[in-house]
Amino acid sequence: MRDRGSPRTTDRRVVATGIDALCAHGRDWELTFHQIASGTPAFGEVGRFATEGRRVHRAALLDGAGSLLAELAGSVGRALAQAGLTAAERAGCPLLLAAHSNETTEQGPLSSALAARTGLAGTERIYTTACVAASTAVADAAARIAAGQLERIVVAAGYLVEPVQFALFDAGRALSRDGRMRPFSRDRQGVLLGDGVAAVVLEAAAGARSRGGRALAEVAGWGRAGDAYHVVRPDPGGSGLARAITAALDRAAVAPAEVGYVNANANGSALGDPSEVAALRAVFGERLAAVPVSSTKGAHGHALEASALLELVVTIEALACGILPVQAGFGSAEPQFADLDLVLNAPRPSRTGYALSLNSAFGGANTALLVGAV
């Protein structure tokens, strides 16, 4: 079903006041964003674990990565610092966590330890719904803030490439056979995995303003929809994703013509990329040729449960900097995507007011987050 919801009111606008992300490019977010925006791929040979017997041996790994708890705590801490929350404000702020890990600590499960290390009230929910886990968490957080249930929530997400999921993707022939990731390209052969950790502080705009917090972007709309087509194959017509996008736009009362960038889900799969383009055509119609599109997975890889939050942070930064990320890894043009305005060759200057960050997962789950510039 389509996630309709009610249009947000002026008093309960939802804004991001703190963001952070890391991936194989590094932990310095400013430098990392410009690496992603310039389309620099971060893939290399996997040295973290043995890949003998696998078809593919490449991924995007962060050099010197610590435990998932350590990386998450660092990212959440940096986002909280940027938001300028006091210890008391942190203590009343819950955490929503999207993570793929069975890591345990002396303080108990990863979720409990993370909240304790960062001074947050505790972890209210843990999301494990694969590629839409983090975007579902963001939608839930934004909905609760917009409804007046909470003033602020921290959403965090993390995945560090590990042998089990790597083996499953390899055995399922989902990984790119030649070790290159080329979203939207005619010669695409599949996905490559990548490390990703991100954190976002979401608040009611009025509350953030009253405490002197600075809004970095508005989470203006969100939508979720399932296509119920196949266990692992997307609906070729992109029906679920199209409904999710429409729901996000409707919630924000924003017309498709106002959207100036799409950070696409595209991961270089043979079936997924065309399905997403079909969804975009359904929403934007003939105007699609005027909407810049790129998928940043071509630079940082697919971080599973963390991908959606990493990509949301990229989208927020793109609006704030006025720079649209280039389509990394692009190879030969795909004739069936001729109506796409892909950002190629170099990052594109833009001062658009709204951008979409899209994600889809196995099982037909689709999410759309509409980001507004402030």
Protein backbone atom coordinates (compact mmCIF):
# COMPACT_ATOMS: atom_id res chain seq x y z
CA MET A 1 0.00 0.00 0.00
CA ARG A 2 1.05 3.56 -0.55
CA ASP A 3 2.18 5.49 2.53
CA ARG A 4 -0.07 8.51 2.21
CA GLY A 5 -0.01 10.33 5.52
CA SER A 6 -1.15 13.92 5.85
CA PRO A 7 0.62 16.99 4.51
CA ARG A 8 2.96 18.49 7.08
CA THR A 9 2.04 21.76 8.78
CA THR A 10 4.21 24.83 8.93
CA ASP A 11 4.67 24.49 12.70
CA ARG A 12 5.95 20.93 12.49
CA ARG A 13 8.46 21.14 9.68
CA VAL A 14 11.21 18.55 10.10
CA VAL A 15 14.82 19.65 9.64
CA ALA A 16 18.26 18.08 9.87
CA THR A 17 20.55 19.96 12.24
CA GLY A 18 23.45 17.51 12.35
CA ILE A 19 24.82 15.10 9.74
CA ASP A 20 27.83 12.86 9.37
CA ALA A 21 28.87 9.97 7.17
CA LEU A 22 31.89 7.86 6.36
CA CYS A 23 32.68 5.33 3.68
CA ALA A 24 35.74 3.92 1.95
CA HIS A 25 36.80 7.46 1.05
CA GLY A 26 37.39 8.28 4.72
CA ARG A 27 35.92 9.77 7.90
CA ASP A 28 36.40 13.47 7.09
CA TRP A 29 32.93 14.18 5.74
CA GLU A 30 33.80 17.35 3.83
CA LEU A 31 36.61 15.61 1.92
CA THR A 32 34.52 12.45 1.52
CA PHE A 33 31.62 14.36 -0.03
CA HIS A 34 33.85 15.98 -2.62
CA GLN A 35 35.36 12.60 -3.50
CA ILE A 36 31.87 11.20 -3.99
CA ALA A 37 30.66 14.28 -5.87
CA SER A 38 33.63 14.11 -8.24
CA GLY A 39 32.81 10.48 -9.02
CA THR A 40 35.97 8.96 -7.58
CA PRO A 41 35.39 5.20 -7.14
CA ALA A 42 36.69 3.70 -3.89
CA PHE A 43 36.82 0.03 -4.90
CA GLY A 44 39.80 -2.23 -4.39
CA GLU A 45 40.78 -5.80 -3.63
CA VAL A 46 39.23 -7.17 -0.44
CA GLY A 47 41.86 -7.72 2.24
CA ARG A 48 39.60 -7.76 5.30
CA PHE A 49 38.73 -11.45 4.83
CA ALA A 50 39.54 -14.26 2.44
CA THR A 51 37.73 -14.30 -0.92
CA GLU A 52 39.21 -17.47 -2.38
CA GLY A 53 36.59 -19.37 -4.32
CA ARG A 54 34.49 -16.26 -4.93
CA ARG A 55 33.68 -14.94 -8.38
CA VAL A 56 34.34 -11.33 -7.31
CA HIS A 57 37.12 -10.04 -5.06
CA ARG A 58 36.46 -6.29 -4.89
CA ALA A 59 34.60 -3.95 -2.57
CA ALA A 60 34.89 -0.40 -1.19
CA LEU A 61 36.54 -0.75 2.23
CA LEU A 62 37.55 1.94 4.72
CA ASP A 63 41.24 1.66 5.59
CA GLY A 64 41.75 1.01 9.29
CA ALA A 65 38.06 0.56 10.01
CA GLY A 66 37.32 -0.14 13.67
CA SER A 67 34.40 -2.07 15.05
CA LEU A 68 30.94 -1.14 13.83
CA LEU A 69 30.17 0.22 17.31
CA ALA A 70 33.25 2.44 17.26
CA GLU A 71 32.49 3.80 13.79
CA LEU A 72 28.81 4.38 14.61
CA ALA A 73 29.66 6.11 17.89
CA GLY A 74 32.10 8.39 16.13
CA SER A 75 29.60 9.31 13.43
CA VAL A 76 26.74 9.92 15.87
CA GLY A 77 29.05 11.98 18.06
CA ARG A 78 30.08 14.21 15.15
CA ALA A 79 26.44 14.71 14.08
CA LEU A 80 25.42 15.59 17.64
CA ALA A 81 28.29 18.06 17.92
CA GLN A 82 27.27 19.77 14.68
CA ALA A 83 23.68 19.99 15.94
CA GLY A 84 24.95 21.64 19.13
CA LEU A 85 22.86 19.53 21.50
CA THR A 86 23.59 19.81 25.21
CA ALA A 87 24.08 16.73 27.40
CA ALA A 88 20.54 17.18 28.73
CA GLU A 89 19.07 17.45 25.26
CA ARG A 90 20.93 14.33 24.16
CA ALA A 91 19.68 12.44 27.21
CA GLY A 92 16.10 13.03 26.12
CA CYS A 93 16.69 12.11 22.49
CA PRO A 94 15.96 8.56 21.27
CA LEU A 95 17.91 6.66 18.63
CA LEU A 96 16.61 4.76 15.61
CA LEU A 97 19.25 2.37 14.29
CA ALA A 98 19.54 0.65 10.91
CA ALA A 99 22.35 -1.88 11.00
CA HIS A 100 23.45 -5.25 9.72
CA SER A 101 25.44 -6.77 12.57
CA ASN A 102 25.36 -9.39 15.29
CA GLU A 103 28.10 -7.55 17.16
CA THR A 104 27.85 -7.67 20.95
CA THR A 105 29.76 -5.63 23.51
CA GLU A 106 30.44 -5.56 27.24
CA GLN A 107 27.47 -3.19 27.47
CA GLY A 108 25.19 -5.65 25.71
CA PRO A 109 23.81 -5.48 22.17
CA LEU A 110 25.23 -3.00 19.68
CA SER A 111 22.14 -0.78 19.93
CA SER A 112 22.32 -0.41 23.72
CA ALA A 113 26.04 0.22 23.70
CA LEU A 114 25.73 2.86 20.98
CA ALA A 115 23.08 4.84 22.90
CA ALA A 116 25.14 4.63 26.08
CA ARG A 117 28.36 5.79 24.39
CA THR A 118 26.70 8.78 22.75
CA GLY A 119 24.57 9.91 25.70
CA LEU A 120 21.24 9.27 23.99
CA ALA A 121 18.06 8.14 25.72
CA GLY A 122 18.20 4.65 24.23
CA THR A 123 17.46 2.80 21.01
CA GLU A 124 13.73 2.71 20.31
CA ARG A 125 13.82 0.64 17.11
CA ILE A 126 16.28 -1.40 15.08
CA TYR A 127 15.75 -1.66 11.31
CA THR A 128 17.07 -4.61 9.31
CA THR A 129 15.00 -4.25 6.14
CA ALA A 130 18.01 -4.33 3.84
CA CYS A 131 18.40 -1.48 1.37
CA VAL A 132 15.45 0.56 2.70
CA ALA A 133 16.24 0.09 6.41
CA ALA A 134 17.72 3.53 7.01
CA SER A 135 15.24 5.42 4.82
CA THR A 136 12.37 3.69 6.64
CA ALA A 137 13.89 4.84 9.92
CA VAL A 138 14.11 8.41 8.61
CA ALA A 139 10.47 8.30 7.50
CA ASP A 140 9.38 7.00 10.91
CA ALA A 141 11.41 9.67 12.70
CA ALA A 142 10.09 12.47 10.51
CA ALA A 143 6.51 11.27 10.93
CA ARG A 144 6.79 11.27 14.73
CA ILE A 145 8.33 14.73 14.82
CA ALA A 146 5.77 16.12 12.36
CA ALA A 147 2.96 14.66 14.48
CA GLY A 148 4.28 16.38 17.60
CA GLN A 149 5.19 13.15 19.39
CA LEU A 150 8.88 14.05 19.78
CA GLU A 151 11.01 17.16 19.35
CA ARG A 152 14.10 15.39 18.02
CA ILE A 153 15.39 11.95 17.04
CA VAL A 154 18.78 10.65 15.96
CA VAL A 155 18.84 8.18 13.06
CA ALA A 156 22.03 6.15 12.64
CA ALA A 157 22.97 3.40 10.22
CA GLY A 158 25.99 1.23 9.64
CA TYR A 159 27.40 -1.63 7.59
CA LEU A 160 31.00 -2.77 7.31
CA VAL A 161 31.55 -5.31 4.56
CA GLU A 162 31.87 -8.78 6.11
CA PRO A 163 32.30 -12.29 4.68
CA VAL A 164 28.77 -13.68 5.09
CA GLN A 165 26.87 -11.05 3.09
CA PHE A 166 29.72 -10.82 0.61
CA ALA A 167 29.47 -14.57 0.01
CA LEU A 168 25.67 -14.44 -0.32
CA PHE A 169 25.78 -11.64 -2.89
CA ASP A 170 28.55 -13.42 -4.76
CA ALA A 171 26.74 -16.77 -4.77
CA GLY A 172 23.58 -15.04 -5.96
CA ARG A 173 25.54 -13.57 -8.88
CA ALA A 174 24.57 -10.06 -7.80
CA LEU A 175 28.14 -8.74 -7.67
CA SER A 176 29.68 -7.19 -10.77
CA ARG A 177 31.74 -9.87 -12.48
CA ASP A 178 34.49 -7.52 -13.64
CA GLY A 179 34.76 -5.75 -10.29
CA ARG A 180 33.43 -2.44 -11.60
CA MET A 181 30.13 -0.77 -10.71
CA ARG A 182 28.41 1.15 -13.51
CA PRO A 183 24.88 2.37 -12.66
CA PHE A 184 22.76 3.28 -15.69
CA SER A 185 25.44 2.05 -18.12
CA ARG A 186 24.80 -0.32 -20.99
CA ASP A 187 27.74 -2.47 -19.85
CA ARG A 188 26.63 -2.70 -16.19
CA GLN A 189 27.11 -6.10 -14.58
CA GLY A 190 25.88 -5.67 -11.03
CA VAL A 191 26.58 -4.22 -7.61
CA LEU A 192 29.68 -3.97 -5.43
CA LEU A 193 29.47 -3.74 -1.65
CA GLY A 194 30.95 -0.88 0.36
CA ASP A 195 31.45 0.26 3.94
CA GLY A 196 29.03 2.93 5.09
CA VAL A 197 28.16 4.58 8.41
CA ALA A 198 26.00 7.67 8.81
CA ALA A 199 24.05 9.67 11.38
CA VAL A 200 21.42 12.40 11.10
CA VAL A 201 19.88 14.55 13.84
CA LEU A 202 16.26 15.39 12.97
CA GLU A 203 14.28 18.05 14.82
CA ALA A 204 11.11 20.08 14.68
CA ALA A 205 12.09 23.29 12.90
CA ALA A 206 10.52 25.56 15.51
CA GLY A 207 12.26 23.76 18.37
CA ALA A 208 15.62 23.84 16.65
CA ARG A 209 15.23 27.53 15.97
CA SER A 210 14.26 28.31 19.58
CA ARG A 211 17.41 26.66 20.96
CA GLY A 212 19.63 28.33 18.36
CA GLY A 213 20.17 25.24 16.22
CA ARG A 214 20.94 25.69 12.51
CA ALA A 215 18.86 23.81 9.97
CA LEU A 216 20.99 22.17 7.26
CA ALA A 217 18.05 20.93 5.19
CA GLU A 218 14.38 20.07 5.50
CA VAL A 219 13.05 16.54 5.29
CA ALA A 220 10.03 17.84 3.44
CA GLY A 221 8.35 14.58 2.42
CA TRP A 222 8.63 10.84 2.63
CA GLY A 223 6.86 7.97 0.98
CA ARG A 224 6.92 4.16 1.15
CA ALA A 225 5.27 1.62 -1.13
CA GLY A 226 5.58 -2.04 -2.01
CA ASP A 227 5.12 -3.47 -5.48
CA ALA A 228 4.49 -7.13 -4.41
CA TYR A 229 5.90 -8.29 -7.73
CA HIS A 230 8.65 -10.81 -6.94
CA VAL A 231 10.93 -11.90 -4.09
CA VAL A 232 14.07 -10.41 -5.65
CA ARG A 233 13.03 -8.83 -8.95
CA PRO A 234 11.56 -5.32 -9.09
CA ASP A 235 8.38 -4.56 -10.95
CA PRO A 236 9.58 -3.68 -14.49
CA GLY A 237 7.14 -0.79 -14.55
CA GLY A 238 8.49 0.67 -11.29
CA SER A 239 4.99 0.92 -9.84
CA GLY A 240 5.99 0.72 -6.17
CA LEU A 241 8.77 3.28 -6.41
CA ALA A 242 6.56 5.63 -8.43
CA ARG A 243 3.92 5.51 -5.68
CA ALA A 244 6.55 6.15 -3.02
CA ILE A 245 7.83 9.21 -4.89
CA THR A 246 4.31 10.53 -5.40
CA ALA A 247 3.53 10.05 -1.72
CA ALA A 248 6.64 12.02 -0.72
CA LEU A 249 5.74 14.87 -3.09
CA ASP A 250 2.10 14.91 -1.98
CA ARG A 251 3.05 15.03 1.68
CA ALA A 252 5.18 18.10 1.06
CA ALA A 253 2.73 19.66 -1.40
CA VAL A 254 5.60 19.86 -3.91
CA ALA A 255 5.03 19.41 -7.64
CA PRO A 256 7.34 17.18 -9.71
CA ALA A 257 8.42 20.27 -11.65
CA GLU A 258 10.00 21.66 -8.46
CA VAL A 259 12.43 18.74 -8.07
CA GLY A 260 15.89 19.61 -9.36
CA TYR A 261 17.91 16.47 -8.59
CA VAL A 262 17.39 12.74 -8.01
CA ASN A 263 19.95 10.70 -6.08
CA ALA A 264 18.90 7.38 -7.56
CA ASN A 265 18.98 3.92 -6.01
CA ALA A 266 20.58 2.50 -9.18
CA ASN A 267 23.19 -0.12 -8.33
CA GLY A 268 24.12 -1.31 -11.80
CA SER A 269 21.83 -4.31 -11.88
CA ALA A 270 20.33 -5.49 -15.16
CA LEU A 271 16.74 -5.33 -13.89
CA GLY A 272 16.83 -2.73 -11.13
CA ASP A 273 18.10 0.25 -13.12
CA PRO A 274 15.41 0.00 -15.86
CA SER A 275 12.69 -0.42 -13.23
CA GLU A 276 13.80 2.78 -11.51
CA VAL A 277 13.87 4.70 -14.77
CA ALA A 278 10.32 3.49 -15.47
CA ALA A 279 9.25 4.86 -12.09
CA LEU A 280 10.85 8.21 -12.83
CA ARG A 281 9.09 8.37 -16.19
CA ALA A 282 5.77 7.64 -14.50
CA VAL A 283 6.27 10.55 -12.08
CA PHE A 284 8.00 13.16 -14.25
CA GLY A 285 6.70 12.30 -17.71
CA GLU A 286 8.29 14.28 -20.53
CA ARG A 287 9.99 16.57 -18.02
CA LEU A 288 12.31 13.73 -16.95
CA ALA A 289 14.87 14.87 -19.51
CA ALA A 290 15.26 18.11 -17.52
CA VAL A 291 15.82 16.48 -14.10
CA PRO A 292 19.50 15.78 -13.25
CA VAL A 293 20.00 12.20 -12.03
CA SER A 294 22.94 10.25 -10.62
CA SER A 295 23.54 7.30 -8.32
CA THR A 296 26.34 7.82 -5.82
CA LYS A 297 26.69 4.06 -5.27
CA GLY A 298 29.05 4.13 -8.23
CA ALA A 299 31.55 5.91 -5.96
CA HIS A 300 31.00 4.40 -2.50
CA GLY A 301 29.37 1.05 -3.25
CA HIS A 302 26.27 -0.49 -1.72
CA ALA A 303 26.28 -0.31 2.09
CA LEU A 304 23.11 -2.40 2.51
CA GLU A 305 21.18 -1.18 5.61
CA ALA A 306 23.31 1.97 5.74
CA SER A 307 23.09 2.94 2.07
CA ALA A 308 19.93 5.01 2.31
CA LEU A 309 21.22 7.18 5.16
CA LEU A 310 24.62 7.64 3.54
CA GLU A 311 22.88 8.71 0.34
CA LEU A 312 20.52 11.03 2.23
CA VAL A 313 23.52 12.77 3.80
CA VAL A 314 25.09 13.09 0.34
CA THR A 315 21.85 14.61 -0.97
CA ILE A 316 21.66 17.10 1.92
CA GLU A 317 25.26 18.15 1.29
CA ALA A 318 24.64 18.44 -2.45
CA LEU A 319 21.82 20.93 -1.87
CA ALA A 320 23.81 22.86 0.71
CA CYS A 321 26.91 23.12 -1.51
CA GLY A 322 25.03 23.61 -4.76
CA ILE A 323 26.94 20.72 -6.35
CA LEU A 324 25.23 17.68 -7.91
CA PRO A 325 27.38 14.51 -7.77
CA VAL A 326 28.63 13.06 -11.04
CA GLN A 327 27.58 9.56 -12.09
CA ALA A 328 30.65 7.57 -11.05
CA GLY A 329 31.68 4.51 -13.01
CA PHE A 330 29.64 5.38 -16.07
CA GLY A 331 30.67 3.32 -19.10
CA SER A 332 28.78 3.18 -22.39
CA ALA A 333 25.44 4.90 -22.90
CA GLU A 334 22.30 2.76 -22.56
CA PRO A 335 19.86 3.60 -25.40
CA GLN A 336 16.82 2.79 -23.27
CA PHE A 337 17.90 5.52 -20.82
CA ALA A 338 18.29 8.19 -23.48
CA ASP A 339 15.69 10.43 -21.79
CA LEU A 340 17.74 10.60 -18.55
CA ASP A 341 19.73 13.74 -17.79
CA LEU A 342 22.63 11.92 -16.14
CA VAL A 343 25.24 14.07 -14.41
CA LEU A 344 28.33 13.04 -16.36
CA ASN A 345 32.00 14.04 -16.60
CA ALA A 346 32.01 16.54 -13.72
CA PRO A 347 29.85 17.65 -10.77
CA ARG A 348 27.15 20.05 -11.88
CA PRO A 349 26.53 23.41 -10.18
CA SER A 350 22.90 23.77 -9.15
CA ARG A 351 20.81 25.76 -6.70
CA THR A 352 17.67 23.66 -6.77
CA GLY A 353 15.16 23.83 -3.95
CA TYR A 354 14.29 20.13 -3.75
CA ALA A 355 15.97 16.79 -4.33
CA LEU A 356 14.83 13.19 -4.03
CA SER A 357 16.82 10.35 -2.47
CA LEU A 358 15.44 6.97 -3.62
CA ASN A 359 15.96 3.43 -2.40
CA SER A 360 14.57 -0.01 -3.23
CA ALA A 361 15.08 -3.43 -1.67
CA PHE A 362 14.47 -7.13 -2.25
CA GLY A 363 10.85 -8.04 -1.69
CA GLY A 364 9.55 -4.98 -3.52
CA ALA A 365 10.07 -2.38 -0.78
CA ASN A 366 10.56 1.21 -2.02
CA THR A 367 11.18 4.52 -0.28
CA ALA A 368 11.47 8.14 -1.35
CA LEU A 369 12.80 10.99 0.79
CA LEU A 370 12.26 14.57 -0.41
CA VAL A 371 14.94 16.97 0.80
CA GLY A 372 14.37 20.70 0.78
CA ALA A 373 17.09 23.36 0.75
CA VAL A 374 17.07 25.91 3.56
